[in-house]
Amino acid sequence: MSPAFGAMEVEHYSKGVLLEPFVHQVGGHSCVLRFNDKTICKPLIQREHQFYETLPTEMRKFTPQYEGVVSVSFEEDEDGNLCLIAYPLNGDHDKLENLDNSDCEPKSKLLRWANKKTMLLENEKISKEWVRQHRKEEKMKNHKLEEEFEWLKKSEVLYYTVEKKGNVSSQFKHHNPWSMKCHQQQLQRMKENAKHRNQYKFILLENLTSRYEVPCVLDLKMGTRQHGDDASEEKKANQIRKCQQSTSAVIGVRVCGMQVYQAGTGQLMFMNKYHGRKLSVQGFKEALYQFFHNGKYLRRELFESVVKKLTELKSVLEKQESYRFYSSSLLIIYDGKERQEVAVDSDPEDLEDLSEESSDESAGAYAYKPTASTVDVRMIDFAHTTCKYYGEDSVVHEGQDTGYVFGLQNLIDIIKEIRDESSE
């Protein structure tokens, strides 16, 4: 263990918050962590931080709410497990405490620094034998992680059975493979740098899935171009190749990740970005259909709301002068929990939009009424976003982000096609 850990004050740790894997992360490579039930955090990237602090008012309803910055340290608990702990930035304890940490794990259960501190300070010179053993263990762990990552790449669509005991959402934390991969990689990166650096800035953002009992999440990479203006020639060529070999070049959007609850089988279906890159335009359409289908019926009642939100977002972005959202994603989220049952002899107005399919699936005196389920549409990931108002960028763009708007229009058209074809 690094001697730097021993210098930590016990009182400082008591103000920290244990960060856990955010189990609903379905895409991206940056690690997203759970701060509490309503807040997540991710490593601070200056350009993304600048975006959240300066974004236009009309765009705020289409992005996660920005809640500030915290300092994150890499530490070990009493059992030697690696942890990430968030602390107030610049000693701003009040701001961290005001973020409703009522559901966070008490830190007294996680670390016993009072018992370890003396021993750590007395053993600042780590023995060569410990170093050799430590490196051997790390090499084995790295090899295992690489094997798991290769397995994940090969298993591009996964199904996990969710136990029917208790709340379905309580089972999620054991299942999402993509979030665990990102979490493990983040821990590994921070551990490798621990001897030289053990404090990182993370930004706090609204947890968009918190309102849903069983979040179904679709992560779409938007635009016909993914590389930022500051990308190296190698990075630029790599991103261009990915776009040309996927639906990004053709329709300006591709699947970057998906999580859907299958009510019919009690399973969770995960689709990762490697599968999304291989999809044809027809395959993309089929993936969207799959996202809105719960294994029993198509969630038709969601279409009107999602099309409305996407159309409104398109209108907003068409008015944004100079913004380019390179490599940004769009999230579509809804609740996968079963619909409420209502009696057939209820008020006729309550049943006027009852679908034919759900009527056929009803039993006895009850039928499924398509409830007014909330669908959320949000833009995320702004590490490569640029705008002339940033000032320091060498490349200045004019007008709207036509590649992103192009992708939005195609997305709207495809969802409308699915809606119309399913009602025939």
Protein backbone atom coordinates (compact mmCIF):
# COMPACT_ATOMS: atom_id res chain seq x y z
CA MET A 1 0.00 0.00 0.00
CA SER A 2 1.34 3.43 -0.84
CA PRO A 3 2.66 5.41 2.16
CA ALA A 4 0.60 8.33 0.89
CA PHE A 5 -2.51 6.58 2.16
CA GLY A 6 -1.21 6.70 5.71
CA ALA A 7 -0.98 10.46 5.74
CA MET A 8 -4.74 10.83 5.45
CA GLU A 9 -6.55 12.29 8.42
CA VAL A 10 -9.34 10.15 9.85
CA GLU A 11 -11.56 13.21 10.19
CA HIS A 12 -11.14 13.98 6.47
CA TYR A 13 -12.26 10.52 5.50
CA SER A 14 -15.39 10.76 7.63
CA LYS A 15 -16.57 13.53 5.27
CA GLY A 16 -16.05 11.39 2.19
CA VAL A 17 -18.54 9.41 0.12
CA LEU A 18 -17.86 5.92 -1.21
CA LEU A 19 -18.32 5.83 -4.98
CA GLU A 20 -19.85 2.67 -6.41
CA PRO A 21 -20.23 1.41 -9.98
CA PHE A 22 -23.13 3.06 -11.78
CA VAL A 23 -24.94 -0.06 -12.88
CA HIS A 24 -26.99 1.53 -15.66
CA GLN A 25 -24.02 2.67 -17.76
CA VAL A 26 -24.50 0.93 -21.10
CA GLY A 27 -21.95 2.69 -23.29
CA GLY A 28 -18.92 4.93 -23.38
CA HIS A 29 -15.45 4.24 -22.04
CA SER A 30 -15.19 6.84 -19.26
CA CYS A 31 -16.10 5.43 -15.86
CA VAL A 32 -19.42 6.64 -14.45
CA LEU A 33 -19.83 6.18 -10.70
CA ARG A 34 -22.77 6.34 -8.31
CA PHE A 35 -22.44 9.14 -5.75
CA ASN A 36 -25.90 8.60 -4.32
CA ASP A 37 -29.32 7.62 -5.58
CA LYS A 38 -29.89 10.87 -7.46
CA THR A 39 -26.32 11.79 -8.41
CA ILE A 40 -23.53 10.23 -10.46
CA CYS A 41 -20.01 11.42 -11.13
CA LYS A 42 -17.34 10.97 -13.80
CA PRO A 43 -13.74 12.13 -14.30
CA LEU A 44 -13.55 15.85 -15.00
CA ILE A 45 -12.50 16.72 -18.54
CA GLN A 46 -11.96 20.45 -18.88
CA ARG A 47 -13.88 20.83 -22.14
CA GLU A 48 -16.91 18.94 -20.80
CA HIS A 49 -16.77 20.90 -17.55
CA GLN A 50 -16.75 24.14 -19.52
CA PHE A 51 -19.76 22.97 -21.53
CA TYR A 52 -21.86 22.30 -18.43
CA GLU A 53 -20.95 25.64 -16.88
CA THR A 54 -21.77 27.67 -20.01
CA LEU A 55 -24.47 25.74 -21.89
CA PRO A 56 -27.42 27.75 -23.22
CA THR A 57 -30.56 27.82 -21.07
CA GLU A 58 -32.71 26.21 -23.76
CA MET A 59 -30.42 23.15 -23.81
CA ARG A 60 -30.52 22.45 -20.08
CA LYS A 61 -33.69 20.35 -20.25
CA PHE A 62 -31.86 18.05 -22.68
CA THR A 63 -28.72 17.52 -20.58
CA PRO A 64 -28.17 16.12 -17.07
CA GLN A 65 -28.25 18.74 -14.36
CA TYR A 66 -24.71 19.78 -13.41
CA GLU A 67 -24.13 19.69 -9.63
CA GLY A 68 -20.52 20.71 -9.16
CA VAL A 69 -17.07 19.17 -8.70
CA VAL A 70 -15.59 16.85 -6.06
CA SER A 71 -12.13 15.54 -5.32
CA VAL A 72 -11.79 11.75 -5.65
CA SER A 73 -9.09 9.64 -3.99
CA PHE A 74 -8.06 6.05 -4.54
CA GLU A 75 -7.95 4.11 -1.25
CA GLU A 76 -8.11 0.64 0.30
CA ASP A 77 -10.61 -0.57 2.87
CA GLU A 78 -9.87 -2.73 5.90
CA ASP A 79 -10.04 -5.88 3.77
CA GLY A 80 -7.63 -4.57 1.15
CA ASN A 81 -10.37 -3.84 -1.41
CA LEU A 82 -9.81 -0.87 -3.69
CA CYS A 83 -12.23 2.04 -3.30
CA LEU A 84 -12.85 5.46 -4.77
CA ILE A 85 -13.85 8.10 -2.23
CA ALA A 86 -15.26 11.55 -3.05
CA TYR A 87 -14.39 14.54 -0.88
CA PRO A 88 -15.50 18.18 -0.97
CA LEU A 89 -13.37 20.26 -3.29
CA ASN A 90 -11.17 22.83 -1.53
CA GLY A 91 -12.63 21.91 1.83
CA ASP A 92 -16.15 22.84 0.78
CA HIS A 93 -17.77 20.33 3.12
CA ASP A 94 -21.16 22.05 3.17
CA LYS A 95 -21.72 21.60 -0.58
CA LEU A 96 -21.00 17.87 -0.42
CA GLU A 97 -23.20 17.37 2.63
CA ASN A 98 -26.08 19.22 0.94
CA LEU A 99 -26.25 16.59 -1.83
CA ASP A 100 -28.43 14.21 0.18
CA ASN A 101 -26.11 11.37 1.17
CA SER A 102 -28.75 9.60 3.26
CA ASP A 103 -28.49 6.42 1.21
CA CYS A 104 -24.66 6.30 1.20
CA GLU A 105 -22.81 3.58 3.06
CA PRO A 106 -21.49 4.74 6.47
CA LYS A 107 -17.74 5.14 6.09
CA SER A 108 -17.05 3.74 9.55
CA LYS A 109 -17.94 0.31 8.16
CA LEU A 110 -15.58 0.65 5.22
CA LEU A 111 -12.29 1.86 6.68
CA ARG A 112 -10.62 1.64 10.06
CA TRP A 113 -7.93 4.25 9.51
CA ALA A 114 -7.57 4.83 13.25
CA ASN A 115 -6.31 1.25 13.61
CA LYS A 116 -4.08 1.36 10.55
CA LYS A 117 -2.62 4.84 10.66
CA THR A 118 0.26 4.19 13.05
CA MET A 119 1.33 1.04 11.26
CA LEU A 120 1.25 2.79 7.88
CA LEU A 121 3.35 5.72 9.01
CA GLU A 122 5.91 3.43 10.60
CA ASN A 123 6.27 1.40 7.43
CA GLU A 124 6.73 4.08 4.82
CA LYS A 125 9.63 2.17 3.29
CA ILE A 126 7.95 -0.70 1.49
CA SER A 127 10.05 -3.83 1.30
CA LYS A 128 11.38 -5.08 -2.04
CA GLU A 129 9.66 -8.41 -1.39
CA TRP A 130 6.29 -6.68 -1.03
CA VAL A 131 6.90 -4.79 -4.27
CA ARG A 132 7.74 -8.00 -6.15
CA GLN A 133 4.67 -9.77 -4.78
CA HIS A 134 2.50 -6.76 -5.48
CA ARG A 135 3.65 -6.56 -9.11
CA LYS A 136 3.05 -10.28 -9.56
CA GLU A 137 -0.51 -9.98 -8.23
CA GLU A 138 -1.19 -6.93 -10.40
CA LYS A 139 0.04 -8.74 -13.50
CA MET A 140 -2.35 -11.61 -12.80
CA LYS A 141 -5.24 -9.20 -12.21
CA ASN A 142 -4.49 -7.31 -15.40
CA HIS A 143 -4.42 -10.54 -17.37
CA LYS A 144 -7.78 -11.57 -15.90
CA LEU A 145 -9.28 -8.17 -16.72
CA GLU A 146 -8.06 -8.41 -20.30
CA GLU A 147 -9.61 -11.89 -20.61
CA GLU A 148 -12.93 -10.59 -19.28
CA PHE A 149 -12.80 -7.65 -21.69
CA GLU A 150 -12.16 -9.94 -24.66
CA TRP A 151 -15.07 -12.13 -23.57
CA LEU A 152 -17.27 -9.07 -23.33
CA LYS A 153 -16.30 -7.98 -26.85
CA LYS A 154 -17.19 -11.42 -28.21
CA SER A 155 -20.45 -11.57 -26.24
CA GLU A 156 -21.98 -8.49 -27.80
CA VAL A 157 -25.57 -9.28 -26.83
CA LEU A 158 -26.11 -10.76 -23.38
CA TYR A 159 -29.16 -11.97 -21.48
CA TYR A 160 -29.28 -12.27 -17.70
CA THR A 161 -32.15 -13.79 -15.76
CA VAL A 162 -33.41 -11.53 -13.00
CA GLU A 163 -34.72 -13.28 -9.92
CA LYS A 164 -38.36 -12.68 -9.24
CA LYS A 165 -37.74 -12.09 -5.55
CA GLY A 166 -38.37 -8.59 -4.30
CA ASN A 167 -37.95 -5.44 -6.32
CA VAL A 168 -36.63 -6.08 -9.83
CA SER A 169 -34.45 -2.97 -9.70
CA SER A 170 -32.60 -4.32 -6.65
CA GLN A 171 -31.16 -7.07 -8.86
CA PHE A 172 -29.58 -4.75 -11.41
CA LYS A 173 -26.34 -4.17 -9.54
CA HIS A 174 -25.23 -7.75 -10.17
CA HIS A 175 -25.79 -7.81 -13.89
CA ASN A 176 -24.56 -4.93 -16.06
CA PRO A 177 -21.22 -6.08 -17.50
CA TRP A 178 -20.30 -2.84 -19.26
CA SER A 179 -20.44 -0.69 -16.12
CA MET A 180 -18.29 -3.20 -14.23
CA LYS A 181 -15.70 -3.21 -17.02
CA CYS A 182 -15.44 0.60 -16.96
CA HIS A 183 -15.24 0.61 -13.16
CA GLN A 184 -12.44 -1.96 -13.08
CA GLN A 185 -10.46 -0.11 -15.71
CA GLN A 186 -10.82 3.18 -13.81
CA LEU A 187 -9.59 1.56 -10.60
CA GLN A 188 -6.65 0.06 -12.44
CA ARG A 189 -5.65 3.37 -14.01
CA MET A 190 -5.81 5.17 -10.68
CA LYS A 191 -3.93 2.42 -8.90
CA GLU A 192 -1.10 2.56 -11.42
CA ASN A 193 -0.80 6.31 -10.81
CA ALA A 194 -1.29 6.16 -7.02
CA LYS A 195 2.40 6.64 -6.19
CA HIS A 196 2.52 9.87 -8.15
CA ARG A 197 -1.02 11.16 -7.87
CA ASN A 198 -3.96 10.28 -5.68
CA GLN A 199 -6.40 13.11 -6.11
CA TYR A 200 -8.62 13.59 -9.14
CA LYS A 201 -11.43 15.97 -9.94
CA PHE A 202 -14.80 14.46 -10.86
CA ILE A 203 -17.94 16.31 -11.95
CA LEU A 204 -21.29 15.58 -10.30
CA LEU A 205 -24.28 15.09 -12.58
CA GLU A 206 -27.94 14.20 -12.25
CA ASN A 207 -28.66 10.46 -12.25
CA LEU A 208 -31.14 10.27 -15.11
CA THR A 209 -32.25 6.73 -14.19
CA SER A 210 -33.18 7.48 -10.57
CA ARG A 211 -36.88 8.08 -11.27
CA TYR A 212 -37.32 4.67 -12.91
CA GLU A 213 -37.91 1.39 -11.13
CA VAL A 214 -36.42 -0.69 -13.96
CA PRO A 215 -34.54 1.65 -16.32
CA CYS A 216 -34.39 0.70 -19.98
CA VAL A 217 -31.54 2.71 -21.50
CA LEU A 218 -30.51 3.29 -25.12
CA ASP A 219 -27.16 5.03 -25.76
CA LEU A 220 -26.87 6.42 -29.30
CA LYS A 221 -23.66 7.90 -30.71
CA MET A 222 -24.80 10.92 -32.67
CA GLY A 223 -23.43 12.69 -35.73
CA THR A 224 -21.56 11.80 -38.90
CA ARG A 225 -18.22 12.78 -37.35
CA GLN A 226 -16.81 11.63 -34.00
CA HIS A 227 -13.27 13.04 -33.73
CA GLY A 228 -12.63 16.37 -32.05
CA ASP A 229 -10.67 19.21 -33.62
CA ASP A 230 -7.75 18.43 -31.32
CA ALA A 231 -7.56 14.71 -32.27
CA SER A 232 -4.24 13.27 -33.39
CA GLU A 233 -3.98 12.01 -36.96
CA GLU A 234 -4.14 8.44 -35.68
CA LYS A 235 -7.22 9.15 -33.57
CA LYS A 236 -8.86 11.01 -36.42
CA ALA A 237 -8.27 8.14 -38.85
CA ASN A 238 -9.58 5.62 -36.33
CA GLN A 239 -12.79 7.58 -35.70
CA ILE A 240 -13.38 8.16 -39.41
CA ARG A 241 -13.00 4.43 -40.01
CA LYS A 242 -15.56 3.60 -37.27
CA CYS A 243 -18.05 6.02 -38.79
CA GLN A 244 -17.56 4.71 -42.32
CA GLN A 245 -18.01 1.10 -41.21
CA SER A 246 -21.17 1.78 -39.21
CA THR A 247 -24.52 3.52 -39.59
CA SER A 248 -22.93 6.80 -38.45
CA ALA A 249 -21.82 7.68 -41.98
CA VAL A 250 -25.15 6.73 -43.55
CA ILE A 251 -27.75 8.05 -41.09
CA GLY A 252 -25.69 10.01 -38.54
CA VAL A 253 -26.45 7.73 -35.59
CA ARG A 254 -25.39 4.31 -34.29
CA VAL A 255 -26.13 2.14 -31.26
CA CYS A 256 -23.49 2.56 -28.56
CA GLY A 257 -25.20 0.47 -25.88
CA MET A 258 -28.56 -0.81 -24.73
CA GLN A 259 -30.20 -2.20 -21.62
CA VAL A 260 -33.76 -3.56 -21.86
CA TYR A 261 -35.87 -5.46 -19.35
CA GLN A 262 -37.70 -8.39 -20.91
CA ALA A 263 -40.92 -8.70 -18.93
CA GLY A 264 -41.86 -11.88 -20.76
CA THR A 265 -38.85 -13.85 -19.54
CA GLY A 266 -37.70 -11.82 -16.54
CA GLN A 267 -34.36 -11.20 -18.26
CA LEU A 268 -32.18 -8.19 -18.86
CA MET A 269 -30.83 -7.79 -22.38
CA PHE A 270 -27.57 -5.91 -22.92
CA MET A 271 -26.21 -4.85 -26.30
CA ASN A 272 -22.76 -3.27 -26.39
CA LYS A 273 -21.08 -0.82 -28.77
CA TYR A 274 -19.20 -3.52 -30.66
CA HIS A 275 -22.48 -5.01 -31.84
CA GLY A 276 -23.87 -1.54 -32.55
CA ARG A 277 -21.01 -0.77 -34.91
CA LYS A 278 -21.79 -3.82 -37.04
CA LEU A 279 -25.45 -3.03 -37.60
CA SER A 280 -26.77 -2.10 -41.02
CA VAL A 281 -29.47 0.56 -41.30
CA GLN A 282 -32.07 -2.21 -41.19
CA GLY A 283 -30.27 -3.76 -38.23
CA PHE A 284 -30.32 -0.39 -36.49
CA LYS A 285 -34.07 -0.19 -37.03
CA GLU A 286 -34.50 -3.70 -35.63
CA ALA A 287 -32.41 -2.77 -32.58
CA LEU A 288 -34.68 0.23 -31.95
CA TYR A 289 -37.71 -2.04 -32.25
CA GLN A 290 -36.10 -4.37 -29.72
CA PHE A 291 -35.48 -1.46 -27.36
CA PHE A 292 -39.18 -0.58 -27.31
CA HIS A 293 -40.32 -4.21 -27.01
CA ASN A 294 -40.43 -5.81 -23.57
CA GLY A 295 -40.65 -9.39 -24.77
CA LYS A 296 -44.44 -9.42 -24.46
CA TYR A 297 -45.60 -6.42 -26.47
CA LEU A 298 -44.33 -3.28 -28.15
CA ARG A 299 -44.45 -0.22 -25.89
CA ARG A 300 -46.40 1.83 -28.43
CA GLU A 301 -47.46 4.39 -25.85
CA LEU A 302 -43.86 5.62 -25.70
CA PHE A 303 -43.54 6.64 -29.34
CA GLU A 304 -45.49 9.91 -29.24
CA SER A 305 -43.51 11.21 -26.27
CA VAL A 306 -40.07 10.24 -27.59
CA VAL A 307 -40.77 11.67 -31.06
CA LYS A 308 -42.01 14.89 -29.49
CA LYS A 309 -38.88 15.26 -27.35
CA LEU A 310 -36.52 14.42 -30.22
CA THR A 311 -38.28 16.94 -32.47
CA GLU A 312 -38.00 19.62 -29.80
CA LEU A 313 -34.31 18.84 -29.30
CA LYS A 314 -33.72 19.08 -33.05
CA SER A 315 -35.37 22.50 -33.09
CA VAL A 316 -33.17 23.67 -30.21
CA LEU A 317 -29.94 22.44 -31.81
CA GLU A 318 -30.78 24.02 -35.16
CA LYS A 319 -30.60 27.38 -33.39
CA GLN A 320 -27.26 26.76 -31.67
CA GLU A 321 -24.62 28.83 -33.40
CA SER A 322 -21.14 27.26 -33.68
CA TYR A 323 -21.63 24.26 -31.38
CA ARG A 324 -20.19 20.93 -32.51
CA PHE A 325 -21.03 17.89 -30.39
CA TYR A 326 -18.36 15.51 -31.64
CA SER A 327 -18.53 12.03 -30.06
CA SER A 328 -21.54 13.05 -27.96
CA SER A 329 -24.25 10.51 -27.16
CA LEU A 330 -27.99 10.70 -26.81
CA LEU A 331 -29.78 8.71 -24.12
CA ILE A 332 -33.38 7.51 -24.37
CA ILE A 333 -34.68 6.13 -21.07
CA TYR A 334 -37.99 4.67 -19.97
CA ASP A 335 -39.28 2.38 -17.24
CA GLY A 336 -39.44 -1.32 -18.05
CA LYS A 337 -41.76 -2.20 -15.18
CA GLU A 338 -45.09 -3.83 -15.99
CA ARG A 339 -48.03 -1.62 -16.84
CA GLN A 340 -50.75 -0.95 -14.28
CA GLU A 341 -53.89 -3.05 -14.72
CA VAL A 342 -57.22 -1.24 -14.87
CA ALA A 343 -60.72 -2.70 -14.93
CA VAL A 344 -62.41 -2.93 -18.31
CA ASP A 345 -65.53 -1.29 -16.90
CA SER A 346 -63.52 1.77 -15.83
CA ASP A 347 -64.27 5.24 -17.15
CA PRO A 348 -64.32 5.01 -20.98
CA GLU A 349 -61.94 7.95 -21.21
CA ASP A 350 -59.37 5.95 -19.27
CA LEU A 351 -59.49 3.18 -21.84
CA GLU A 352 -59.93 5.04 -25.10
CA ASP A 353 -56.33 4.43 -26.14
CA LEU A 354 -56.29 0.78 -25.09
CA SER A 355 -54.33 -1.07 -27.75
CA GLU A 356 -55.76 -4.06 -29.58
CA GLU A 357 -52.75 -6.17 -28.69
CA SER A 358 -52.94 -5.43 -24.98
CA SER A 359 -56.68 -6.17 -25.03
CA ASP A 360 -55.96 -9.59 -26.48
CA GLU A 361 -53.43 -10.25 -23.73
CA SER A 362 -55.77 -9.23 -20.94
CA ALA A 363 -57.41 -11.76 -18.69
CA GLY A 364 -60.86 -11.78 -17.12
CA ALA A 365 -62.27 -8.36 -16.31
CA TYR A 366 -58.93 -6.59 -16.66
CA ALA A 367 -56.96 -5.15 -19.54
CA TYR A 368 -53.62 -3.40 -19.88
CA LYS A 369 -53.96 0.34 -20.38
CA PRO A 370 -50.91 2.04 -21.93
CA THR A 371 -50.03 4.38 -19.10
CA ALA A 372 -48.46 7.77 -19.69
CA SER A 373 -44.96 6.46 -19.10
CA THR A 374 -42.25 9.07 -18.80
CA VAL A 375 -39.61 8.91 -21.51
CA ASP A 376 -36.44 10.91 -21.04
CA VAL A 377 -34.22 12.16 -23.88
CA ARG A 378 -30.85 13.65 -22.90
CA MET A 379 -27.55 14.53 -24.50
CA ILE A 380 -24.43 13.33 -22.65
CA ASP A 381 -20.63 13.20 -23.09
CA PHE A 382 -19.18 16.53 -24.14
CA ALA A 383 -15.45 15.86 -23.91
CA HIS A 384 -14.98 16.89 -27.57
CA THR A 385 -17.63 19.57 -27.80
CA THR A 386 -16.49 22.90 -29.21
CA CYS A 387 -18.00 26.35 -29.64
CA LYS A 388 -16.66 29.73 -30.70
CA TYR A 389 -17.61 31.11 -27.29
CA TYR A 390 -14.99 28.91 -25.63
CA GLY A 391 -12.36 31.34 -26.88
CA GLU A 392 -9.22 29.19 -26.84
CA ASP A 393 -10.17 26.80 -29.67
CA SER A 394 -8.07 27.17 -32.80
CA VAL A 395 -10.88 25.93 -35.07
CA VAL A 396 -14.09 27.95 -35.07
CA HIS A 397 -17.25 26.53 -36.64
CA GLU A 398 -20.24 28.48 -37.89
CA GLY A 399 -23.90 27.52 -37.96
CA GLN A 400 -25.56 24.39 -36.60
CA ASP A 401 -24.04 20.93 -36.11
CA THR A 402 -25.50 19.51 -39.31
CA GLY A 403 -24.16 15.99 -38.67
CA TYR A 404 -25.94 15.77 -35.30
CA VAL A 405 -29.15 17.30 -36.64
CA PHE A 406 -29.02 14.87 -39.59
CA GLY A 407 -28.79 11.96 -37.17
CA LEU A 408 -31.70 13.27 -35.09
CA GLN A 409 -33.95 13.59 -38.14
CA ASN A 410 -33.15 10.05 -39.26
CA LEU A 411 -33.75 8.76 -35.75
CA ILE A 412 -37.14 10.47 -35.68
CA ASP A 413 -38.05 9.06 -39.09
CA ILE A 414 -37.09 5.49 -38.13
CA ILE A 415 -39.04 5.61 -34.87
CA LYS A 416 -42.06 6.89 -36.79
CA GLU A 417 -41.68 4.01 -39.25
CA ILE A 418 -41.67 1.49 -36.40
CA ARG A 419 -44.72 3.18 -34.89
CA ASP A 420 -46.67 3.22 -38.17
CA GLU A 421 -45.74 -0.32 -39.20
CA SER A 422 -46.70 -1.73 -35.78
CA SER A 423 -50.17 -0.14 -35.95
CA GLU A 424 -51.04 -1.60 -39.34
